[in-house]
Amino acid sequence: MKKLLFLILIIAALIITFGYRYYADALNYALSPEGTDRVVIVVKPGDMASDVADQLYEKELIKSPAVFAFYLGQQGLDDQIKAGRIVVQENYTLSEIIDALIEGKTTEMPVTILEGWTVQQIADYMEQEGFTTAEEFMECAETCEFEGDHLPDGYVEGYLYPDTYFVDPASYNNQRFIQRLITTFENKLDDDVWIPLEKENRMLEEVIIMASIIEREERDPDERSTVAGILWNRYDANIGLGADATVLYALGRTKGGLSYDDLQVDSPYNTRKYAGLPPTPICNPNITSIKAAADPTLTDYWYYLHDADGNVHYAKTLDEHNTNKAKYIN
């Protein structure tokens, strides 16, 4: 009997010891101790602690939903989680995650830079969000020093990658933020860009200029490669690209119709008036447009236009193009 009791005590002690070690391990678990990537947790009104635990577990932020629930109960925090959109880092421990959930807010704000925005549009947006003034942002974009293996001299237009970034208003700095966008751009360049670029004997700078035109000219990602093929056909033949988006850029606009006088604007960005590429990109393209410019579809088309619904129509000859104009525009 004494031996059985002793054995039970030993087993109980082992269970407690290993249970505590598991609990302590789970409590201090982090998806990536060295990582700094952000993870968004959405807590809806009425969500139970178990709902939040499942979400955290699915996103690999906690090791055990049971430990999460136990910790909340132990600390008397079962009903203290606030609804909202919480941003945590992947290196947060369970206790740090719970602190963020209880606080119900984050010091960081999501900042979404849209595809095809110009530097000026980004500056206006950052002012609207209260991070800086458009004037200060533009001044930094033009005068601050940035690091980048592929960044051209004199401008950053085209190299500020459109994406969602998380920014702390308290520590925001124009130079650091612009550098983040440039670094993200460089990280997006892979063999899908470099291999065809080298095969076609193109320079990255001219590919990014072309990608920016494609971004503004064609909103359907599935059509961008064909549009790229047409524009490269015209470029290689030293024919004006005829891209309305470049004229709008020359006029300091991003949308709207173009009058006859608009089309006559004397600017190197006016590809209706001058052959070749504009001197710089006309916006900041996403990776789909960059890959389309680097690896265009080989095509016999030389013209394209869009109807009122945004659908693109191609033509091999000027006569076909004029027919499309009469059919879809006039």
Foldseek 3Di string as FASTA:
>chain_A
DVVVVVVVVVVVVVCVVVVVVVLVCQQQDFQDQPFFDKDKQAADPPDFLLNSLVVCVVVVGTDDSVSLVVVCVVVVNRPQFDGDIFIDGRNDGSVRVVVRRNVPYDLKDKDFFDFLAWQLRSLPSCVVVPQDHSVVLVVCQQDPDEDDPQQDPGGCFQQQATGIDIGRSVPDDSRVNSNVRNVVSRVLDDCLQVVLLVVVVHDLQQLSQLLSLLRLQAVDLVCSLQLLQLQVVCQVVQHQSQRVCLLCLVVVHRDDDADPVSLPDPALSNSSVGTHTRPGHSHHHHVSSSSSNSRHDNDLWNDWDAAPVRDIDTDNDPVVVVVCCVVGPD
